[in-house]
Each structure stands twice: as C-alpha cells, then as structure tokens.
Amino acid sequence: MDFAIDNNLKINPSSLVITDAFKLTPEDINKVISKYDTKDKSGTGMIFIAENLNKSVQTATFYVCFFDIATKKIIDSRMMVGKPSGIGFRNYWAGSIYNIMKEWSLNK
C-alpha cells in the first residue's frame, strides 16, 4: 500500500482533467506493477488501476489486476466499468470501485 500511496502523491491532479478518452495498454499495466517494491514478499497482489474517471457520462473505468507479488507477473487483468456514487470527490469515485467489487462478486 505504501508504494501505491507514494506513487499517487506524485500525480499532479490538474493533469488528470482531459477531454478525450484515455486508453491503457497491457504494457502500461505491466509498467505500473513492475515498479512496485515487492522484495522479500510473496503471494497474490491485487490493484485497481484507473483508466478513466468520466463525470460527464458518470462512469469510471479501472483495470482490476491480480499479480504474483514475488515475480510481478500478471495472473489476471480485466477492464471493468463502474458507476460512481457518493458525496464529495473521494466518495463519488470510490463508489465506482465499490460497484465494480459488487459486480465482480456477483459474476464469480
């Protein structure tokens, strides 16, 4: 978690507002995961990588990725779309993650 938090703090929020849809490639996802400091750790990791937070159409697109922590090899990566909900910036977009998690558990 510390690495993800540190990485997120480096992002300039004003650079995130764009008018065109943004598309992540499998290479982009591998690059994010490969930067994680996972030394001396093992097991399965899971991360949500945001692709688009689109308030005008009220959707959020994330890649939900499971990976081997020791090798950083992706086990499964799926693009999922969630509807945001909640009050305030953080809760609004966190609502989309919650809705994706609900959908995931229903489609197991």
PDB file of N, CA and C in Angstrom:
ATOM      1  N   MET A   1       0.822  -1.207   0.000  1.00  0.00           N
ATOM      2  CA  MET A   1       0.000   0.000   0.000  1.00  0.00           C
ATOM      3  C   MET A   1       0.857   1.260   0.000  1.00  0.00           C
ATOM      4  N   ASP A   2       1.953   1.239   0.760  1.00  0.00           N
ATOM      5  CA  ASP A   2       2.786   2.446   0.844  1.00  0.00           C
ATOM      6  C   ASP A   2       3.275   2.892  -0.530  1.00  0.00           C
ATOM      7  N   PHE A   3       3.680   1.916  -1.377  1.00  0.00           N
ATOM      8  CA  PHE A   3       4.174   2.283  -2.693  1.00  0.00           C
ATOM      9  C   PHE A   3       3.068   2.915  -3.527  1.00  0.00           C
ATOM     10  N   ALA A   4       1.864   2.342  -3.488  1.00  0.00           N
ATOM     11  CA  ALA A   4       0.746   2.894  -4.261  1.00  0.00           C
ATOM     12  C   ALA A   4       0.419   4.306  -3.777  1.00  0.00           C
ATOM     13  N   ILE A   5       0.429   4.511  -2.471  1.00  0.00           N
ATOM     14  CA  ILE A   5       0.140   5.840  -1.920  1.00  0.00           C
ATOM     15  C   ILE A   5       1.218   6.833  -2.340  1.00  0.00           C
ATOM     16  N   ASP A   6       2.486   6.441  -2.203  1.00  0.00           N
ATOM     17  CA  ASP A   6       3.591   7.325  -2.618  1.00  0.00           C
ATOM     18  C   ASP A   6       3.507   7.655  -4.099  1.00  0.00           C
ATOM     19  N   ASN A   7       3.188   6.661  -4.913  1.00  0.00           N
ATOM     20  CA  ASN A   7       3.065   6.864  -6.354  1.00  0.00           C
ATOM     21  C   ASN A   7       1.924   7.830  -6.673  1.00  0.00           C
ATOM     22  N   ASN A   8       0.789   7.674  -6.002  1.00  0.00           N
ATOM     23  CA  ASN A   8      -0.363   8.544  -6.236  1.00  0.00           C
ATOM     24  C   ASN A   8      -0.077   9.986  -5.820  1.00  0.00           C
ATOM     25  N   LEU A   9       0.729  10.181  -4.784  1.00  0.00           N
ATOM     26  CA  LEU A   9       1.052  11.528  -4.328  1.00  0.00           C
ATOM     27  C   LEU A   9       1.892  12.304  -5.340  1.00  0.00           C
ATOM     28  N   LYS A  10       2.550  11.603  -6.250  1.00  0.00           N
ATOM     29  CA  LYS A  10       3.385  12.242  -7.266  1.00  0.00           C
ATOM     30  C   LYS A  10       2.564  12.784  -8.445  1.00  0.00           C
ATOM     31  N   ILE A  11       1.298  12.453  -8.492  1.00  0.00           N
ATOM     32  CA  ILE A  11       0.452  12.849  -9.620  1.00  0.00           C
ATOM     33  C   ILE A  11      -0.056  14.269  -9.416  1.00  0.00           C
ATOM     34  N   ASN A  12       0.048  15.075 -10.453  1.00  0.00           N
ATOM     35  CA  ASN A  12      -0.490  16.429 -10.442  1.00  0.00           C
ATOM     36  C   ASN A  12      -1.969  16.350 -10.825  1.00  0.00           C
ATOM     37  N   PRO A  13      -2.890  16.614  -9.887  1.00  0.00           N
ATOM     38  CA  PRO A  13      -4.324  16.462 -10.183  1.00  0.00           C
ATOM     39  C   PRO A  13      -4.802  17.269 -11.389  1.00  0.00           C
ATOM     40  N   SER A  14      -4.217  18.440 -11.637  1.00  0.00           N
ATOM     41  CA  SER A  14      -4.673  19.247 -12.762  1.00  0.00           C
ATOM     42  C   SER A  14      -4.333  18.591 -14.106  1.00  0.00           C
ATOM     43  N   SER A  15      -3.370  17.671 -14.130  1.00  0.00           N
ATOM     44  CA  SER A  15      -3.024  16.984 -15.373  1.00  0.00           C
ATOM     45  C   SER A  15      -3.996  15.845 -15.675  1.00  0.00           C
ATOM     46  N   LEU A  16      -4.879  15.549 -14.745  1.00  0.00           N
ATOM     47  CA  LEU A  16      -5.795  14.431 -14.926  1.00  0.00           C
ATOM     48  C   LEU A  16      -7.061  14.814 -15.683  1.00  0.00           C
ATOM     49  N   VAL A  17      -7.338  16.090 -15.807  1.00  0.00           N
ATOM     50  CA  VAL A  17      -8.549  16.540 -16.488  1.00  0.00           C
ATOM     51  C   VAL A  17      -8.248  16.641 -17.981  1.00  0.00           C
ATOM     52  N   ILE A  18      -8.869  15.732 -18.745  1.00  0.00           N
ATOM     53  CA  ILE A  18      -8.675  15.716 -20.191  1.00  0.00           C
ATOM     54  C   ILE A  18     -10.034  15.609 -20.859  1.00  0.00           C
ATOM     55  N   THR A  19     -10.101  15.936 -22.132  1.00  0.00           N
ATOM     56  CA  THR A  19     -11.379  15.893 -22.844  1.00  0.00           C
ATOM     57  C   THR A  19     -11.553  14.622 -23.672  1.00  0.00           C
ATOM     58  N   ASP A  20     -10.465  13.934 -23.978  1.00  0.00           N
ATOM     59  CA  ASP A  20     -10.544  12.705 -24.763  1.00  0.00           C
ATOM     60  C   ASP A  20     -10.422  11.495 -23.855  1.00  0.00           C
ATOM     61  N   ALA A  21     -10.983  10.377 -24.308  1.00  0.00           N
ATOM     62  CA  ALA A  21     -10.858   9.134 -23.550  1.00  0.00           C
ATOM     63  C   ALA A  21      -9.396   8.702 -23.531  1.00  0.00           C
ATOM     64  N   PHE A  22      -8.972   8.181 -22.410  1.00  0.00           N
ATOM     65  CA  PHE A  22      -7.601   7.713 -22.231  1.00  0.00           C
ATOM     66  C   PHE A  22      -7.630   6.194 -22.277  1.00  0.00           C
ATOM     67  N   LYS A  23      -6.665   5.583 -22.909  1.00  0.00           N
ATOM     68  CA  LYS A  23      -6.614   4.132 -23.041  1.00  0.00           C
ATOM     69  C   LYS A  23      -5.294   3.600 -22.509  1.00  0.00           C
ATOM     70  N   LEU A  24      -5.369   2.639 -21.600  1.00  0.00           N
ATOM     71  CA  LEU A  24      -4.180   1.956 -21.104  1.00  0.00           C
ATOM     72  C   LEU A  24      -3.908   0.737 -21.976  1.00  0.00           C
ATOM     73  N   THR A  25      -2.639   0.428 -22.142  1.00  0.00           N
ATOM     74  CA  THR A  25      -2.238  -0.772 -22.870  1.00  0.00           C
ATOM     75  C   THR A  25      -1.765  -1.817 -21.862  1.00  0.00           C
ATOM     76  N   PRO A  26      -1.677  -3.074 -22.284  1.00  0.00           N
ATOM     77  CA  PRO A  26      -1.110  -4.090 -21.380  1.00  0.00           C
ATOM     78  C   PRO A  26       0.306  -3.717 -20.919  1.00  0.00           C
ATOM     79  N   GLU A  27       1.057  -3.054 -21.776  1.00  0.00           N
ATOM     80  CA  GLU A  27       2.408  -2.619 -21.401  1.00  0.00           C
ATOM     81  C   GLU A  27       2.354  -1.567 -20.285  1.00  0.00           C
ATOM     82  N   ASP A  28       1.372  -0.668 -20.353  1.00  0.00           N
ATOM     83  CA  ASP A  28       1.204   0.337 -19.293  1.00  0.00           C
ATOM     84  C   ASP A  28       0.937  -0.334 -17.948  1.00  0.00           C
ATOM     85  N   ILE A  29       0.088  -1.339 -17.960  1.00  0.00           N
ATOM     86  CA  ILE A  29      -0.265  -2.046 -16.726  1.00  0.00           C
ATOM     87  C   ILE A  29       0.951  -2.788 -16.184  1.00  0.00           C
ATOM     88  N   ASN A  30       1.689  -3.465 -17.064  1.00  0.00           N
ATOM     89  CA  ASN A  30       2.924  -4.146 -16.633  1.00  0.00           C
ATOM     90  C   ASN A  30       3.919  -3.165 -16.039  1.00  0.00           C
ATOM     91  N   LYS A  31       4.022  -1.985 -16.635  1.00  0.00           N
ATOM     92  CA  LYS A  31       4.959  -0.965 -16.152  1.00  0.00           C
ATOM     93  C   LYS A  31       4.608  -0.519 -14.727  1.00  0.00           C
ATOM     94  N   VAL A  32       3.313  -0.323 -14.458  1.00  0.00           N
ATOM     95  CA  VAL A  32       2.884   0.085 -13.116  1.00  0.00           C
ATOM     96  C   VAL A  32       3.265  -0.985 -12.102  1.00  0.00           C
ATOM     97  N   ILE A  33       2.913  -2.225 -12.406  1.00  0.00           N
ATOM     98  CA  ILE A  33       3.170  -3.315 -11.460  1.00  0.00           C
ATOM     99  C   ILE A  33       4.665  -3.571 -11.299  1.00  0.00           C
ATOM    100  N   SER A  34       5.426  -3.433 -12.372  1.00  0.00           N
ATOM    101  CA  SER A  34       6.863  -3.707 -12.288  1.00  0.00           C
ATOM    102  C   SER A  34       7.593  -2.722 -11.378  1.00  0.00           C
ATOM    103  N   LYS A  35       7.036  -1.557 -11.139  1.00  0.00           N
ATOM    104  CA  LYS A  35       7.674  -0.556 -10.283  1.00  0.00           C
ATOM    105  C   LYS A  35       7.454  -0.810  -8.791  1.00  0.00           C
ATOM    106  N   TYR A  36       6.566  -1.725  -8.450  1.00  0.00           N
ATOM    107  CA  TYR A  36       6.299  -1.985  -7.037  1.00  0.00           C
ATOM    108  C   TYR A  36       7.501  -2.618  -6.355  1.00  0.00           C
ATOM    109  N   ASP A  37       7.774  -2.171  -5.148  1.00  0.00           N
ATOM    110  CA  ASP A  37       8.841  -2.736  -4.336  1.00  0.00           C
ATOM    111  C   ASP A  37       8.259  -3.931  -3.583  1.00  0.00           C
ATOM    112  N   THR A  38       8.493  -5.129  -4.102  1.00  0.00           N
ATOM    113  CA  THR A  38       7.912  -6.329  -3.503  1.00  0.00           C
ATOM    114  C   THR A  38       8.969  -7.288  -2.961  1.00  0.00           C
ATOM    115  N   LYS A  39      10.180  -6.791  -2.742  1.00  0.00           N
ATOM    116  CA  LYS A  39      11.256  -7.682  -2.285  1.00  0.00           C
ATOM    117  C   LYS A  39      10.869  -8.390  -0.992  1.00  0.00           C
ATOM    118  N   ASP A  40      11.262  -9.650  -0.934  1.00  0.00           N
ATOM    119  CA  ASP A  40      11.011 -10.496   0.238  1.00  0.00           C
ATOM    120  C   ASP A  40       9.538 -10.704   0.528  1.00  0.00           C
ATOM    121  N   LYS A  41       8.683 -10.498  -0.465  1.00  0.00           N
ATOM    122  CA  LYS A  41       7.255 -10.716  -0.266  1.00  0.00           C
ATOM    123  C   LYS A  41       6.778 -11.763  -1.265  1.00  0.00           C
ATOM    124  N   SER A  42       5.711 -12.462  -0.910  1.00  0.00           N
ATOM    125  CA  SER A  42       5.150 -13.461  -1.808  1.00  0.00           C
ATOM    126  C   SER A  42       3.638 -13.461  -1.662  1.00  0.00           C
ATOM    127  N   GLY A  43       2.985 -14.197  -2.530  1.00  0.00           N
ATOM    128  CA  GLY A  43       1.536 -14.284  -2.502  1.00  0.00           C
ATOM    129  C   GLY A  43       0.938 -13.619  -3.731  1.00  0.00           C
ATOM    130  N   THR A  44      -0.333 -13.303  -3.618  1.00  0.00           N
ATOM    131  CA  THR A  44      -1.054 -12.679  -4.720  1.00  0.00           C
ATOM    132  C   THR A  44      -1.408 -11.247  -4.343  1.00  0.00           C
ATOM    133  N   GLY A  45      -1.094 -10.310  -5.241  1.00  0.00           N
ATOM    134  CA  GLY A  45      -1.448  -8.909  -5.043  1.00  0.00           C
ATOM    135  C   GLY A  45      -2.625  -8.543  -5.918  1.00  0.00           C
ATOM    136  N   MET A  46      -3.321  -7.504  -5.545  1.00  0.00           N
ATOM    137  CA  MET A  46      -4.455  -7.019  -6.320  1.00  0.00           C
ATOM    138  C   MET A  46      -4.405  -5.499  -6.315  1.00  0.00           C
ATOM    139  N   ILE A  47      -4.665  -4.901  -7.485  1.00  0.00           N
ATOM    140  CA  ILE A  47      -4.662  -3.449  -7.594  1.00  0.00           C
ATOM    141  C   ILE A  47      -5.716  -3.017  -8.607  1.00  0.00           C
ATOM    142  N   PHE A  48      -6.308  -1.859  -8.346  1.00  0.00           N
ATOM    143  CA  PHE A  48      -7.195  -1.201  -9.301  1.00  0.00           C
ATOM    144  C   PHE A  48      -6.368  -0.097  -9.957  1.00  0.00           C
ATOM    145  N   ILE A  49      -6.232  -0.138 -11.265  1.00  0.00           N
ATOM    146  CA  ILE A  49      -5.511   0.900 -11.999  1.00  0.00           C
ATOM    147  C   ILE A  49      -6.548   1.707 -12.773  1.00  0.00           C
ATOM    148  N   ALA A  50      -6.671   2.986 -12.435  1.00  0.00           N
ATOM    149  CA  ALA A  50      -7.679   3.838 -13.070  1.00  0.00           C
ATOM    150  C   ALA A  50      -7.292   4.159 -14.502  1.00  0.00           C
ATOM    151  N   GLU A  51      -8.255   3.987 -15.392  1.00  0.00           N
ATOM    152  CA  GLU A  51      -8.048   4.373 -16.785  1.00  0.00           C
ATOM    153  C   GLU A  51      -8.777   5.686 -17.068  1.00  0.00           C
ATOM    154  N   ASN A  52     -10.052   5.764 -16.711  1.00  0.00           N
ATOM    155  CA  ASN A  52     -10.843   6.981 -16.931  1.00  0.00           C
ATOM    156  C   ASN A  52     -11.815   7.195 -15.784  1.00  0.00           C
ATOM    157  N   LEU A  53     -11.919   8.426 -15.338  1.00  0.00           N
ATOM    158  CA  LEU A  53     -12.959   8.857 -14.409  1.00  0.00           C
ATOM    159  C   LEU A  53     -13.729   9.934 -15.169  1.00  0.00           C
ATOM    160  N   ASN A  54     -14.862   9.558 -15.721  1.00  0.00           N
ATOM    161  CA  ASN A  54     -15.583  10.442 -16.624  1.00  0.00           C
ATOM    162  C   ASN A  54     -16.881  10.912 -15.975  1.00  0.00           C
ATOM    163  N   LYS A  55     -16.849  12.117 -15.454  1.00  0.00           N
ATOM    164  CA  LYS A  55     -18.023  12.632 -14.750  1.00  0.00           C
ATOM    165  C   LYS A  55     -19.170  12.953 -15.711  1.00  0.00           C
ATOM    166  N   SER A  56     -18.856  13.341 -16.947  1.00  0.00           N
ATOM    167  CA  SER A  56     -19.922  13.723 -17.872  1.00  0.00           C
ATOM    168  C   SER A  56     -20.811  12.539 -18.242  1.00  0.00           C
ATOM    169  N   VAL A  57     -20.258  11.327 -18.309  1.00  0.00           N
ATOM    170  CA  VAL A  57     -21.094  10.151 -18.583  1.00  0.00           C
ATOM    171  C   VAL A  57     -21.260   9.278 -17.338  1.00  0.00           C
ATOM    172  N   GLN A  58     -20.747   9.756 -16.230  1.00  0.00           N
ATOM    173  CA  GLN A  58     -20.877   9.110 -14.926  1.00  0.00           C
ATOM    174  C   GLN A  58     -20.430   7.653 -14.944  1.00  0.00           C
ATOM    175  N   THR A  59     -19.191   7.452 -15.398  1.00  0.00           N
ATOM    176  CA  THR A  59     -18.582   6.125 -15.358  1.00  0.00           C
ATOM    177  C   THR A  59     -17.115   6.240 -14.978  1.00  0.00           C
ATOM    178  N   ALA A  60     -16.615   5.170 -14.409  1.00  0.00           N
ATOM    179  CA  ALA A  60     -15.192   5.059 -14.102  1.00  0.00           C
ATOM    180  C   ALA A  60     -14.712   3.739 -14.665  1.00  0.00           C
ATOM    181  N   THR A  61     -13.576   3.777 -15.329  1.00  0.00           N
ATOM    182  CA  THR A  61     -13.001   2.575 -15.919  1.00  0.00           C
ATOM    183  C   THR A  61     -11.704   2.248 -15.186  1.00  0.00           C
ATOM    184  N   PHE A  62     -11.618   1.031 -14.707  1.00  0.00           N
ATOM    185  CA  PHE A  62     -10.441   0.552 -13.983  1.00  0.00           C
ATOM    186  C   PHE A  62     -10.006  -0.789 -14.558  1.00  0.00           C
ATOM    187  N   TYR A  63      -8.718  -1.051 -14.474  1.00  0.00           N
ATOM    188  CA  TYR A  63      -8.212  -2.399 -14.699  1.00  0.00           C
ATOM    189  C   TYR A  63      -8.033  -3.013 -13.325  1.00  0.00           C
ATOM    190  N   VAL A  64      -8.704  -4.133 -13.104  1.00  0.00           N
ATOM    191  CA  VAL A  64      -8.559  -4.884 -11.860  1.00  0.00           C
ATOM    192  C   VAL A  64      -7.530  -5.963 -12.154  1.00  0.00           C
ATOM    193  N   CYS A  65      -6.388  -5.877 -11.461  1.00  0.00           N
ATOM    194  CA  CYS A  65      -5.256  -6.752 -11.765  1.00  0.00           C
ATOM    195  C   CYS A  65      -4.856  -7.571 -10.548  1.00  0.00           C
ATOM    196  N   PHE A  66      -4.725  -8.865 -10.776  1.00  0.00           N
ATOM    197  CA  PHE A  66      -4.154  -9.768  -9.791  1.00  0.00           C
ATOM    198  C   PHE A  66      -2.776 -10.160 -10.312  1.00  0.00           C
ATOM    199  N   PHE A  67      -1.785 -10.165  -9.426  1.00  0.00           N
ATOM    200  CA  PHE A  67      -0.429 -10.477  -9.860  1.00  0.00           C
ATOM    201  C   PHE A  67       0.318 -11.245  -8.787  1.00  0.00           C
ATOM    202  N   ASP A  68       1.324 -12.002  -9.229  1.00  0.00           N
ATOM    203  CA  ASP A  68       2.204 -12.716  -8.316  1.00  0.00           C
ATOM    204  C   ASP A  68       3.167 -11.689  -7.720  1.00  0.00           C
ATOM    205  N   ILE A  69       3.144 -11.534  -6.426  1.00  0.00           N
ATOM    206  CA  ILE A  69       3.946 -10.495  -5.772  1.00  0.00           C
ATOM    207  C   ILE A  69       5.444 -10.729  -5.968  1.00  0.00           C
ATOM    208  N   ALA A  70       5.893 -11.975  -5.877  1.00  0.00           N
ATOM    209  CA  ALA A  70       7.336 -12.268  -5.977  1.00  0.00           C
ATOM    210  C   ALA A  70       7.874 -11.990  -7.383  1.00  0.00           C
ATOM    211  N   THR A  71       7.118 -12.387  -8.415  1.00  0.00           N
ATOM    212  CA  THR A  71       7.611 -12.246  -9.790  1.00  0.00           C
ATOM    213  C   THR A  71       7.043 -11.021 -10.512  1.00  0.00           C
ATOM    214  N   LYS A  72       5.995 -10.441  -9.949  1.00  0.00           N
ATOM    215  CA  LYS A  72       5.268  -9.315 -10.548  1.00  0.00           C
ATOM    216  C   LYS A  72       4.590  -9.699 -11.866  1.00  0.00           C
ATOM    217  N   LYS A  73       4.395 -10.989 -12.074  1.00  0.00           N
ATOM    218  CA  LYS A  73       3.714 -11.482 -13.270  1.00  0.00           C
ATOM    219  C   LYS A  73       2.209 -11.358 -13.079  1.00  0.00           C
ATOM    220  N   ILE A  74       1.523 -10.814 -14.095  1.00  0.00           N
ATOM    221  CA  ILE A  74       0.076 -10.633 -14.021  1.00  0.00           C
ATOM    222  C   ILE A  74      -0.619 -11.983 -14.169  1.00  0.00           C
ATOM    223  N   ILE A  75      -1.493 -12.272 -13.218  1.00  0.00           N
ATOM    224  CA  ILE A  75      -2.277 -13.506 -13.231  1.00  0.00           C
ATOM    225  C   ILE A  75      -3.570 -13.266 -14.004  1.00  0.00           C
ATOM    226  N   ASP A  76      -4.206 -12.145 -13.741  1.00  0.00           N
ATOM    227  CA  ASP A  76      -5.468 -11.796 -14.405  1.00  0.00           C
ATOM    228  C   ASP A  76      -5.603 -10.276 -14.399  1.00  0.00           C
ATOM    229  N   SER A  77      -6.052  -9.740 -15.502  1.00  0.00           N
ATOM    230  CA  SER A  77      -6.273  -8.297 -15.604  1.00  0.00           C
ATOM    231  C   SER A  77      -7.534  -8.079 -16.428  1.00  0.00           C
ATOM    232  N   ARG A  78      -8.506  -7.392 -15.832  1.00  0.00           N
ATOM    233  CA  ARG A  78      -9.776  -7.159 -16.519  1.00  0.00           C
ATOM    234  C   ARG A  78     -10.166  -5.691 -16.426  1.00  0.00           C
ATOM    235  N   MET A  79     -10.601  -5.158 -17.567  1.00  0.00           N
ATOM    236  CA  MET A  79     -11.124  -3.804 -17.558  1.00  0.00           C
ATOM    237  C   MET A  79     -12.581  -3.879 -17.087  1.00  0.00           C
ATOM    238  N   MET A  80     -12.902  -3.041 -16.119  1.00  0.00           N
ATOM    239  CA  MET A  80     -14.266  -3.017 -15.595  1.00  0.00           C
ATOM    240  C   MET A  80     -14.731  -1.576 -15.494  1.00  0.00           C
ATOM    241  N   VAL A  81     -16.019  -1.392 -15.684  1.00  0.00           N
ATOM    242  CA  VAL A  81     -16.624  -0.066 -15.633  1.00  0.00           C
ATOM    243  C   VAL A  81     -17.593  -0.033 -14.463  1.00  0.00           C
ATOM    244  N   GLY A  82     -17.502   1.023 -13.663  1.00  0.00           N
ATOM    245  CA  GLY A  82     -18.391   1.176 -12.526  1.00  0.00           C
ATOM    246  C   GLY A  82     -19.064   2.533 -12.533  1.00  0.00           C
ATOM    247  N   LYS A  83     -20.249   2.570 -11.962  1.00  0.00           N
ATOM    248  CA  LYS A  83     -20.984   3.828 -11.832  1.00  0.00           C
ATOM    249  C   LYS A  83     -20.604   4.463 -10.503  1.00  0.00           C
ATOM    250  N   PRO A  84     -20.120   5.706 -10.540  1.00  0.00           N
ATOM    251  CA  PRO A  84     -19.757   6.373  -9.285  1.00  0.00           C
ATOM    252  C   PRO A  84     -20.990   6.748  -8.474  1.00  0.00           C
ATOM    253  N   SER A  85     -20.798   6.880  -7.178  1.00  0.00           N
ATOM    254  CA  SER A  85     -21.886   7.310  -6.295  1.00  0.00           C
ATOM    255  C   SER A  85     -21.269   7.838  -5.009  1.00  0.00           C
ATOM    256  N   GLY A  86     -21.967   8.728  -4.370  1.00  0.00           N
ATOM    257  CA  GLY A  86     -21.479   9.285  -3.116  1.00  0.00           C
ATOM    258  C   GLY A  86     -21.346  10.791  -3.197  1.00  0.00           C
ATOM    259  N   ILE A  87     -21.074  11.388  -2.053  1.00  0.00           N
ATOM    260  CA  ILE A  87     -20.946  12.837  -1.961  1.00  0.00           C
ATOM    261  C   ILE A  87     -19.478  13.178  -1.724  1.00  0.00           C
ATOM    262  N   GLY A  88     -18.982  14.153  -2.452  1.00  0.00           N
ATOM    263  CA  GLY A  88     -17.585  14.550  -2.351  1.00  0.00           C
ATOM    264  C   GLY A  88     -16.751  13.809  -3.374  1.00  0.00           C
ATOM    265  N   PHE A  89     -15.635  14.411  -3.760  1.00  0.00           N
ATOM    266  CA  PHE A  89     -14.787  13.860  -4.818  1.00  0.00           C
ATOM    267  C   PHE A  89     -14.352  12.430  -4.512  1.00  0.00           C
ATOM    268  N   ARG A  90     -13.777  12.208  -3.339  1.00  0.00           N
ATOM    269  CA  ARG A  90     -13.257  10.882  -2.988  1.00  0.00           C
ATOM    270  C   ARG A  90     -14.367   9.842  -2.940  1.00  0.00           C
ATOM    271  N   ASN A  91     -15.446  10.136  -2.228  1.00  0.00           N
ATOM    272  CA  ASN A  91     -16.527   9.165  -2.084  1.00  0.00           C
ATOM    273  C   ASN A  91     -17.232   8.885  -3.405  1.00  0.00           C
ATOM    274  N   TYR A  92     -17.350   9.909  -4.252  1.00  0.00           N
ATOM    275  CA  TYR A  92     -18.005   9.748  -5.550  1.00  0.00           C
ATOM    276  C   TYR A  92     -17.283   8.688  -6.375  1.00  0.00           C
ATOM    277  N   TRP A  93     -15.955   8.833  -6.516  1.00  0.00           N
ATOM    278  CA  TRP A  93     -15.197   7.881  -7.324  1.00  0.00           C
ATOM    279  C   TRP A  93     -14.971   6.571  -6.584  1.00  0.00           C
ATOM    280  N   ALA A  94     -14.872   6.574  -5.280  1.00  0.00           N
ATOM    281  CA  ALA A  94     -14.760   5.329  -4.509  1.00  0.00           C
ATOM    282  C   ALA A  94     -16.027   4.500  -4.678  1.00  0.00           C
ATOM    283  N   GLY A  95     -17.153   5.167  -4.888  1.00  0.00           N
ATOM    284  CA  GLY A  95     -18.405   4.460  -5.151  1.00  0.00           C
ATOM    285  C   GLY A  95     -18.307   3.596  -6.400  1.00  0.00           C
ATOM    286  N   SER A  96     -17.563   4.060  -7.400  1.00  0.00           N
ATOM    287  CA  SER A  96     -17.411   3.256  -8.619  1.00  0.00           C
ATOM    288  C   SER A  96     -16.605   1.986  -8.324  1.00  0.00           C
ATOM    289  N   ILE A  97     -15.600   2.100  -7.462  1.00  0.00           N
ATOM    290  CA  ILE A  97     -14.817   0.912  -7.084  1.00  0.00           C
ATOM    291  C   ILE A  97     -15.698  -0.059  -6.316  1.00  0.00           C
ATOM    292  N   TYR A  98     -16.487   0.466  -5.409  1.00  0.00           N
ATOM    293  CA  TYR A  98     -17.417  -0.377  -4.646  1.00  0.00           C
ATOM    294  C   TYR A  98     -18.373  -1.114  -5.585  1.00  0.00           C
ATOM    295  N   ASN A  99     -18.910  -0.404  -6.573  1.00  0.00           N
ATOM    296  CA  ASN A  99     -19.849  -1.023  -7.514  1.00  0.00           C
ATOM    297  C   ASN A  99     -19.162  -2.071  -8.388  1.00  0.00           C
ATOM    298  N   ILE A 100     -17.915  -1.851  -8.748  1.00  0.00           N
ATOM    299  CA  ILE A 100     -17.159  -2.860  -9.503  1.00  0.00           C
ATOM    300  C   ILE A 100     -16.947  -4.094  -8.637  1.00  0.00           C
ATOM    301  N   MET A 101     -16.614  -3.906  -7.367  1.00  0.00           N
ATOM    302  CA  MET A 101     -16.403  -5.043  -6.470  1.00  0.00           C
ATOM    303  C   MET A 101     -17.694  -5.836  -6.287  1.00  0.00           C
ATOM    304  N   LYS A 102     -18.825  -5.144  -6.184  1.00  0.00           N
ATOM    305  CA  LYS A 102     -20.113  -5.841  -6.075  1.00  0.00           C
ATOM    306  C   LYS A 102     -20.380  -6.665  -7.333  1.00  0.00           C
ATOM    307  N   GLU A 103     -20.161  -6.050  -8.503  1.00  0.00           N
ATOM    308  CA  GLU A 103     -20.384  -6.749  -9.770  1.00  0.00           C
ATOM    309  C   GLU A 103     -19.474  -7.971  -9.878  1.00  0.00           C
ATOM    310  N   TRP A 104     -18.217  -7.807  -9.498  1.00  0.00           N
ATOM    311  CA  TRP A 104     -17.237  -8.907  -9.564  1.00  0.00           C
ATOM    312  C   TRP A 104     -17.718 -10.077  -8.724  1.00  0.00           C
ATOM    313  N   SER A 105     -18.172  -9.795  -7.509  1.00  0.00           N
ATOM    314  CA  SER A 105     -18.589 -10.878  -6.610  1.00  0.00           C
ATOM    315  C   SER A 105     -19.846 -11.572  -7.118  1.00  0.00           C
ATOM    316  N   LEU A 106     -20.698 -10.858  -7.844  1.00  0.00           N
ATOM    317  CA  LEU A 106     -21.911 -11.477  -8.380  1.00  0.00           C
ATOM    318  C   LEU A 106     -21.622 -12.338  -9.599  1.00  0.00           C
ATOM    319  N   ASN A 107     -20.541 -12.035 -10.328  1.00  0.00           N
ATOM    320  CA  ASN A 107     -20.221 -12.756 -11.562  1.00  0.00           C
ATOM    321  C   ASN A 107     -19.138 -13.803 -11.402  1.00  0.00           C
ATOM    322  N   LYS A 108     -18.863 -14.203 -10.181  1.00  0.00           N
ATOM    323  CA  LYS A 108     -17.803 -15.209  -9.937  1.00  0.00           C
ATOM    324  C   LYS A 108     -18.140 -16.522 -10.561  1.00  0.00           C
TER     325      LYS A 108
END
